[in-house]
Amino acid sequence: MSKNSISGRFVVAPDAGVITIPLTDTQARLATDKNPVTMNDSWDKMCDSLIDRGFMDIRGEVHIDTIVINGVSRIFH
């Protein structure tokens, strides 16, 4: 398992199960940006980079439940 990942449920089918997407270190950094000025842009960059790596666009499609950073899982929101 990747040391960094996000896990969640499809918005339209929350009972379909949990999906987990591995994150690179850069994607993990972008996903955890807490700066109110840059956090939305960072999230978009992270999502765009997932698409570039062959994953789906999670924006509006997946409710993120947990994020794993350096092997430590925590509730995302």
PDB file of N, CA and C in Angstrom:
ATOM      1  N   MET A   1       0.838  -1.191   0.000  1.00  0.00           N
ATOM      2  CA  MET A   1       0.000   0.000   0.000  1.00  0.00           C
ATOM      3  C   MET A   1       0.876   1.245   0.000  1.00  0.00           C
ATOM      4  N   SER A   2       0.404   2.262  -0.674  1.00  0.00           N
ATOM      5  CA  SER A   2       1.124   3.521  -0.745  1.00  0.00           C
ATOM      6  C   SER A   2       1.166   4.191   0.623  1.00  0.00           C
ATOM      7  N   LYS A   3       2.239   4.900   0.895  1.00  0.00           N
ATOM      8  CA  LYS A   3       2.322   5.613   2.168  1.00  0.00           C
ATOM      9  C   LYS A   3       1.400   6.828   2.178  1.00  0.00           C
ATOM     10  N   ASN A   4       0.949   7.253   0.987  1.00  0.00           N
ATOM     11  CA  ASN A   4       0.014   8.371   0.857  1.00  0.00           C
ATOM     12  C   ASN A   4      -1.154   7.932  -0.018  1.00  0.00           C
ATOM     13  N   SER A   5      -2.372   8.235   0.412  1.00  0.00           N
ATOM     14  CA  SER A   5      -3.543   7.890  -0.395  1.00  0.00           C
ATOM     15  C   SER A   5      -4.761   8.653   0.105  1.00  0.00           C
ATOM     16  N   ILE A   6      -5.796   8.634  -0.715  1.00  0.00           N
ATOM     17  CA  ILE A   6      -7.104   9.137  -0.315  1.00  0.00           C
ATOM     18  C   ILE A   6      -8.099   8.007  -0.540  1.00  0.00           C
ATOM     19  N   SER A   7      -9.098   7.928   0.334  1.00  0.00           N
ATOM     20  CA  SER A   7     -10.135   6.905   0.227  1.00  0.00           C
ATOM     21  C   SER A   7     -11.493   7.551   0.397  1.00  0.00           C
ATOM     22  N   GLY A   8     -12.441   7.056  -0.359  1.00  0.00           N
ATOM     23  CA  GLY A   8     -13.779   7.593  -0.245  1.00  0.00           C
ATOM     24  C   GLY A   8     -14.796   6.762  -1.006  1.00  0.00           C
ATOM     25  N   ARG A   9     -15.997   7.327  -1.121  1.00  0.00           N
ATOM     26  CA  ARG A   9     -17.146   6.657  -1.741  1.00  0.00           C
ATOM     27  C   ARG A   9     -17.666   7.504  -2.888  1.00  0.00           C
ATOM     28  N   PHE A  10     -18.163   6.824  -3.925  1.00  0.00           N
ATOM     29  CA  PHE A  10     -18.767   7.549  -5.037  1.00  0.00           C
ATOM     30  C   PHE A  10     -19.992   8.317  -4.537  1.00  0.00           C
ATOM     31  N   VAL A  11     -20.131   9.557  -4.959  1.00  0.00           N
ATOM     32  CA  VAL A  11     -21.242  10.405  -4.547  1.00  0.00           C
ATOM     33  C   VAL A  11     -22.575   9.788  -4.969  1.00  0.00           C
ATOM     34  N   VAL A  12     -22.654   9.280  -6.193  1.00  0.00           N
ATOM     35  CA  VAL A  12     -23.924   8.746  -6.714  1.00  0.00           C
ATOM     36  C   VAL A  12     -24.220   7.331  -6.243  1.00  0.00           C
ATOM     37  N   ALA A  13     -23.233   6.642  -5.704  1.00  0.00           N
ATOM     38  CA  ALA A  13     -23.430   5.261  -5.253  1.00  0.00           C
ATOM     39  C   ALA A  13     -22.585   4.994  -4.010  1.00  0.00           C
ATOM     40  N   PRO A  14     -22.923   5.655  -2.903  1.00  0.00           N
ATOM     41  CA  PRO A  14     -22.083   5.532  -1.704  1.00  0.00           C
ATOM     42  C   PRO A  14     -21.992   4.115  -1.143  1.00  0.00           C
ATOM     43  N   ASP A  15     -22.948   3.271  -1.475  1.00  0.00           N
ATOM     44  CA  ASP A  15     -22.933   1.894  -0.981  1.00  0.00           C
ATOM     45  C   ASP A  15     -22.140   0.955  -1.892  1.00  0.00           C
ATOM     46  N   ALA A  16     -21.552   1.491  -2.948  1.00  0.00           N
ATOM     47  CA  ALA A  16     -20.807   0.666  -3.902  1.00  0.00           C
ATOM     48  C   ALA A  16     -19.451   0.233  -3.362  1.00  0.00           C
ATOM     49  N   GLY A  17     -19.059   0.775  -2.247  1.00  0.00           N
ATOM     50  CA  GLY A  17     -17.769   0.414  -1.660  1.00  0.00           C
ATOM     51  C   GLY A  17     -16.813   1.586  -1.643  1.00  0.00           C
ATOM     52  N   VAL A  18     -15.694   1.356  -1.027  1.00  0.00           N
ATOM     53  CA  VAL A  18     -14.673   2.393  -0.865  1.00  0.00           C
ATOM     54  C   VAL A  18     -13.629   2.246  -1.962  1.00  0.00           C
ATOM     55  N   ILE A  19     -13.241   3.377  -2.537  1.00  0.00           N
ATOM     56  CA  ILE A  19     -12.134   3.371  -3.482  1.00  0.00           C
ATOM     57  C   ILE A  19     -10.945   4.060  -2.821  1.00  0.00           C
ATOM     58  N   THR A  20      -9.768   3.595  -3.131  1.00  0.00           N
ATOM     59  CA  THR A  20      -8.543   4.181  -2.601  1.00  0.00           C
ATOM     60  C   THR A  20      -7.634   4.524  -3.767  1.00  0.00           C
ATOM     61  N   ILE A  21      -7.124   5.746  -3.754  1.00  0.00           N
ATOM     62  CA  ILE A  21      -6.237   6.222  -4.809  1.00  0.00           C
ATOM     63  C   ILE A  21      -4.898   6.591  -4.180  1.00  0.00           C
ATOM     64  N   PRO A  22      -3.823   5.989  -4.660  1.00  0.00           N
ATOM     65  CA  PRO A  22      -2.510   6.342  -4.118  1.00  0.00           C
ATOM     66  C   PRO A  22      -2.110   7.752  -4.535  1.00  0.00           C
ATOM     67  N   LEU A  23      -1.400   8.437  -3.662  1.00  0.00           N
ATOM     68  CA  LEU A  23      -0.917   9.789  -3.936  1.00  0.00           C
ATOM     69  C   LEU A  23       0.604   9.812  -3.920  1.00  0.00           C
ATOM     70  N   THR A  24       1.167  10.615  -4.792  1.00  0.00           N
ATOM     71  CA  THR A  24       2.597  10.885  -4.716  1.00  0.00           C
ATOM     72  C   THR A  24       2.831  11.849  -3.551  1.00  0.00           C
ATOM     73  N   ASP A  25       4.077  12.060  -3.191  1.00  0.00           N
ATOM     74  CA  ASP A  25       4.379  13.026  -2.128  1.00  0.00           C
ATOM     75  C   ASP A  25       3.898  14.425  -2.500  1.00  0.00           C
ATOM     76  N   THR A  26       4.066  14.797  -3.756  1.00  0.00           N
ATOM     77  CA  THR A  26       3.612  16.120  -4.208  1.00  0.00           C
ATOM     78  C   THR A  26       2.100  16.231  -4.125  1.00  0.00           C
ATOM     79  N   GLN A  27       1.388  15.193  -4.549  1.00  0.00           N
ATOM     80  CA  GLN A  27      -0.072  15.217  -4.463  1.00  0.00           C
ATOM     81  C   GLN A  27      -0.528  15.281  -3.011  1.00  0.00           C
ATOM     82  N   ALA A  28       0.143  14.578  -2.130  1.00  0.00           N
ATOM     83  CA  ALA A  28      -0.214  14.620  -0.708  1.00  0.00           C
ATOM     84  C   ALA A  28      -0.025  16.023  -0.151  1.00  0.00           C
ATOM     85  N   ARG A  29       1.059  16.666  -0.548  1.00  0.00           N
ATOM     86  CA  ARG A  29       1.308  18.043  -0.086  1.00  0.00           C
ATOM     87  C   ARG A  29       0.210  18.981  -0.592  1.00  0.00           C
ATOM     88  N   LEU A  30      -0.156  18.840  -1.858  1.00  0.00           N
ATOM     89  CA  LEU A  30      -1.213  19.685  -2.424  1.00  0.00           C
ATOM     90  C   LEU A  30      -2.554  19.423  -1.740  1.00  0.00           C
ATOM     91  N   ALA A  31      -2.861  18.164  -1.466  1.00  0.00           N
ATOM     92  CA  ALA A  31      -4.144  17.796  -0.857  1.00  0.00           C
ATOM     93  C   ALA A  31      -4.279  18.291   0.570  1.00  0.00           C
ATOM     94  N   THR A  32      -3.174  18.583   1.226  1.00  0.00           N
ATOM     95  CA  THR A  32      -3.215  19.004   2.630  1.00  0.00           C
ATOM     96  C   THR A  32      -2.854  20.474   2.816  1.00  0.00           C
ATOM     97  N   ASP A  33      -2.865  21.234   1.744  1.00  0.00           N
ATOM     98  CA  ASP A  33      -2.581  22.670   1.824  1.00  0.00           C
ATOM     99  C   ASP A  33      -3.633  23.342   2.704  1.00  0.00           C
ATOM    100  N   LYS A  34      -3.207  24.010   3.746  1.00  0.00           N
ATOM    101  CA  LYS A  34      -4.124  24.675   4.683  1.00  0.00           C
ATOM    102  C   LYS A  34      -4.208  26.188   4.470  1.00  0.00           C
ATOM    103  N   ASN A  35      -3.427  26.710   3.535  1.00  0.00           N
ATOM    104  CA  ASN A  35      -3.422  28.152   3.286  1.00  0.00           C
ATOM    105  C   ASN A  35      -4.718  28.543   2.586  1.00  0.00           C
ATOM    106  N   PRO A  36      -5.541  29.395   3.205  1.00  0.00           N
ATOM    107  CA  PRO A  36      -6.830  29.758   2.605  1.00  0.00           C
ATOM    108  C   PRO A  36      -6.699  30.435   1.236  1.00  0.00           C
ATOM    109  N   VAL A  37      -5.564  31.038   0.968  1.00  0.00           N
ATOM    110  CA  VAL A  37      -5.363  31.720  -0.312  1.00  0.00           C
ATOM    111  C   VAL A  37      -5.059  30.727  -1.435  1.00  0.00           C
ATOM    112  N   THR A  38      -4.386  29.616  -1.104  1.00  0.00           N
ATOM    113  CA  THR A  38      -3.926  28.693  -2.139  1.00  0.00           C
ATOM    114  C   THR A  38      -4.590  27.316  -2.117  1.00  0.00           C
ATOM    115  N   MET A  39      -5.350  27.009  -1.073  1.00  0.00           N
ATOM    116  CA  MET A  39      -5.847  25.640  -0.910  1.00  0.00           C
ATOM    117  C   MET A  39      -6.743  25.161  -2.050  1.00  0.00           C
ATOM    118  N   ASN A  40      -7.600  25.997  -2.593  1.00  0.00           N
ATOM    119  CA  ASN A  40      -8.466  25.564  -3.697  1.00  0.00           C
ATOM    120  C   ASN A  40      -7.662  25.295  -4.961  1.00  0.00           C
ATOM    121  N   ASP A  41      -6.697  26.154  -5.253  1.00  0.00           N
ATOM    122  CA  ASP A  41      -5.828  25.926  -6.413  1.00  0.00           C
ATOM    123  C   ASP A  41      -4.999  24.664  -6.216  1.00  0.00           C
ATOM    124  N   SER A  42      -4.519  24.446  -4.999  1.00  0.00           N
ATOM    125  CA  SER A  42      -3.739  23.244  -4.718  1.00  0.00           C
ATOM    126  C   SER A  42      -4.580  21.993  -4.931  1.00  0.00           C
ATOM    127  N   TRP A  43      -5.836  22.028  -4.477  1.00  0.00           N
ATOM    128  CA  TRP A  43      -6.724  20.875  -4.659  1.00  0.00           C
ATOM    129  C   TRP A  43      -6.939  20.597  -6.147  1.00  0.00           C
ATOM    130  N   ASP A  44      -7.180  21.654  -6.927  1.00  0.00           N
ATOM    131  CA  ASP A  44      -7.362  21.478  -8.365  1.00  0.00           C
ATOM    132  C   ASP A  44      -6.103  20.904  -9.024  1.00  0.00           C
ATOM    133  N   LYS A  45      -4.948  21.389  -8.618  1.00  0.00           N
ATOM    134  CA  LYS A  45      -3.690  20.846  -9.161  1.00  0.00           C
ATOM    135  C   LYS A  45      -3.541  19.374  -8.814  1.00  0.00           C
ATOM    136  N   MET A  46      -3.891  19.008  -7.582  1.00  0.00           N
ATOM    137  CA  MET A  46      -3.801  17.620  -7.171  1.00  0.00           C
ATOM    138  C   MET A  46      -4.752  16.763  -8.008  1.00  0.00           C
ATOM    139  N   CYS A  47      -5.999  17.230  -8.179  1.00  0.00           N
ATOM    140  CA  CYS A  47      -6.972  16.474  -8.979  1.00  0.00           C
ATOM    141  C   CYS A  47      -6.521  16.359 -10.433  1.00  0.00           C
ATOM    142  N   ASP A  48      -6.017  17.449 -10.999  1.00  0.00           N
ATOM    143  CA  ASP A  48      -5.522  17.405 -12.377  1.00  0.00           C
ATOM    144  C   ASP A  48      -4.374  16.411 -12.513  1.00  0.00           C
ATOM    145  N   SER A  49      -3.511  16.351 -11.508  1.00  0.00           N
ATOM    146  CA  SER A  49      -2.379  15.430 -11.583  1.00  0.00           C
ATOM    147  C   SER A  49      -2.833  13.973 -11.444  1.00  0.00           C
ATOM    148  N   LEU A  50      -3.939  13.734 -10.723  1.00  0.00           N
ATOM    149  CA  LEU A  50      -4.495  12.377 -10.685  1.00  0.00           C
ATOM    150  C   LEU A  50      -4.937  11.949 -12.084  1.00  0.00           C
ATOM    151  N   ILE A  51      -5.593  12.848 -12.785  1.00  0.00           N
ATOM    152  CA  ILE A  51      -6.039  12.566 -14.151  1.00  0.00           C
ATOM    153  C   ILE A  51      -4.830  12.285 -15.039  1.00  0.00           C
ATOM    154  N   ASP A  52      -3.787  13.102 -14.890  1.00  0.00           N
ATOM    155  CA  ASP A  52      -2.565  12.904 -15.675  1.00  0.00           C
ATOM    156  C   ASP A  52      -1.950  11.520 -15.421  1.00  0.00           C
ATOM    157  N   ARG A  53      -2.163  10.982 -14.227  1.00  0.00           N
ATOM    158  CA  ARG A  53      -1.627   9.668 -13.873  1.00  0.00           C
ATOM    159  C   ARG A  53      -2.591   8.526 -14.218  1.00  0.00           C
ATOM    160  N   GLY A  54      -3.729   8.865 -14.851  1.00  0.00           N
ATOM    161  CA  GLY A  54      -4.643   7.825 -15.314  1.00  0.00           C
ATOM    162  C   GLY A  54      -5.803   7.529 -14.377  1.00  0.00           C
ATOM    163  N   PHE A  55      -5.941   8.314 -13.324  1.00  0.00           N
ATOM    164  CA  PHE A  55      -7.066   8.128 -12.408  1.00  0.00           C
ATOM    165  C   PHE A  55      -8.222   9.039 -12.823  1.00  0.00           C
ATOM    166  N   MET A  56      -9.380   8.776 -12.276  1.00  0.00           N
ATOM    167  CA  MET A  56     -10.551   9.581 -12.592  1.00  0.00           C
ATOM    168  C   MET A  56     -10.463  10.971 -11.961  1.00  0.00           C
ATOM    169  N   ASP A  57     -11.286  11.881 -12.457  1.00  0.00           N
ATOM    170  CA  ASP A  57     -11.427  13.193 -11.830  1.00  0.00           C
ATOM    171  C   ASP A  57     -12.369  13.008 -10.647  1.00  0.00           C
ATOM    172  N   ILE A  58     -11.851  13.171  -9.454  1.00  0.00           N
ATOM    173  CA  ILE A  58     -12.652  12.913  -8.256  1.00  0.00           C
ATOM    174  C   ILE A  58     -13.546  14.081  -7.874  1.00  0.00           C
ATOM    175  N   ARG A  59     -13.315  15.249  -8.464  1.00  0.00           N
ATOM    176  CA  ARG A  59     -14.101  16.442  -8.111  1.00  0.00           C
ATOM    177  C   ARG A  59     -15.579  16.218  -8.415  1.00  0.00           C
ATOM    178  N   GLY A  60     -16.395  16.297  -7.374  1.00  0.00           N
ATOM    179  CA  GLY A  60     -17.833  16.115  -7.511  1.00  0.00           C
ATOM    180  C   GLY A  60     -18.267  14.674  -7.700  1.00  0.00           C
ATOM    181  N   GLU A  61     -17.317  13.742  -7.728  1.00  0.00           N
ATOM    182  CA  GLU A  61     -17.614  12.338  -7.983  1.00  0.00           C
ATOM    183  C   GLU A  61     -17.361  11.435  -6.783  1.00  0.00           C
ATOM    184  N   VAL A  62     -16.413  11.826  -5.918  1.00  0.00           N
ATOM    185  CA  VAL A  62     -16.027  10.990  -4.792  1.00  0.00           C
ATOM    186  C   VAL A  62     -16.065  11.823  -3.510  1.00  0.00           C
ATOM    187  N   HIS A  63     -16.741  11.288  -2.502  1.00  0.00           N
ATOM    188  CA  HIS A  63     -16.731  11.901  -1.177  1.00  0.00           C
ATOM    189  C   HIS A  63     -15.508  11.329  -0.454  1.00  0.00           C
ATOM    190  N   ILE A  64     -14.510  12.160  -0.218  1.00  0.00           N
ATOM    191  CA  ILE A  64     -13.274  11.699   0.413  1.00  0.00           C
ATOM    192  C   ILE A  64     -13.516  11.562   1.915  1.00  0.00           C
ATOM    193  N   ASP A  65     -13.309  10.353   2.422  1.00  0.00           N
ATOM    194  CA  ASP A  65     -13.495  10.080   3.848  1.00  0.00           C
ATOM    195  C   ASP A  65     -12.183  10.185   4.622  1.00  0.00           C
ATOM    196  N   THR A  66     -11.126   9.581   4.072  1.00  0.00           N
ATOM    197  CA  THR A  66      -9.853   9.563   4.794  1.00  0.00           C
ATOM    198  C   THR A  66      -8.699   9.896   3.859  1.00  0.00           C
ATOM    199  N   ILE A  67      -7.648  10.384   4.467  1.00  0.00           N
ATOM    200  CA  ILE A  67      -6.398  10.632   3.759  1.00  0.00           C
ATOM    201  C   ILE A  67      -5.292   9.985   4.577  1.00  0.00           C
ATOM    202  N   VAL A  68      -4.366   9.353   3.894  1.00  0.00           N
ATOM    203  CA  VAL A  68      -3.217   8.733   4.545  1.00  0.00           C
ATOM    204  C   VAL A  68      -1.981   9.513   4.114  1.00  0.00           C
ATOM    205  N   ILE A  69      -1.258  10.040   5.085  1.00  0.00           N
ATOM    206  CA  ILE A  69      -0.029  10.778   4.831  1.00  0.00           C
ATOM    207  C   ILE A  69       1.087  10.102   5.610  1.00  0.00           C
ATOM    208  N   ASN A  70       2.121   9.691   4.888  1.00  0.00           N
ATOM    209  CA  ASN A  70       3.252   8.985   5.506  1.00  0.00           C
ATOM    210  C   ASN A  70       2.790   7.806   6.356  1.00  0.00           C
ATOM    211  N   GLY A  71       1.777   7.100   5.855  1.00  0.00           N
ATOM    212  CA  GLY A  71       1.278   5.910   6.534  1.00  0.00           C
ATOM    213  C   GLY A  71       0.306   6.161   7.672  1.00  0.00           C
ATOM    214  N   VAL A  72       0.006   7.421   7.958  1.00  0.00           N
ATOM    215  CA  VAL A  72      -0.897   7.771   9.061  1.00  0.00           C
ATOM    216  C   VAL A  72      -2.248   8.196   8.483  1.00  0.00           C
ATOM    217  N   SER A  73      -3.293   7.436   8.815  1.00  0.00           N
ATOM    218  CA  SER A  73      -4.636   7.706   8.314  1.00  0.00           C
ATOM    219  C   SER A  73      -5.359   8.682   9.239  1.00  0.00           C
ATOM    220  N   ARG A  74      -6.109   9.591   8.607  1.00  0.00           N
ATOM    221  CA  ARG A  74      -6.943  10.510   9.386  1.00  0.00           C
ATOM    222  C   ARG A  74      -8.185  10.869   8.590  1.00  0.00           C
ATOM    223  N   ILE A  75      -9.201  11.296   9.292  1.00  0.00           N
ATOM    224  CA  ILE A  75     -10.432  11.737   8.628  1.00  0.00           C
ATOM    225  C   ILE A  75     -10.102  12.982   7.820  1.00  0.00           C
ATOM    226  N   PHE A  76     -10.608  13.019   6.584  1.00  0.00           N
ATOM    227  CA  PHE A  76     -10.228  14.101   5.665  1.00  0.00           C
ATOM    228  C   PHE A  76     -10.860  15.435   6.033  1.00  0.00           C
ATOM    229  N   HIS A  77     -12.132  15.455   6.347  1.00  0.00           N
ATOM    230  CA  HIS A  77     -12.797  16.724   6.714  1.00  0.00           C
ATOM    231  C   HIS A  77     -13.296  16.633   8.119  1.00  0.00           C
TER     232      HIS A  77
END
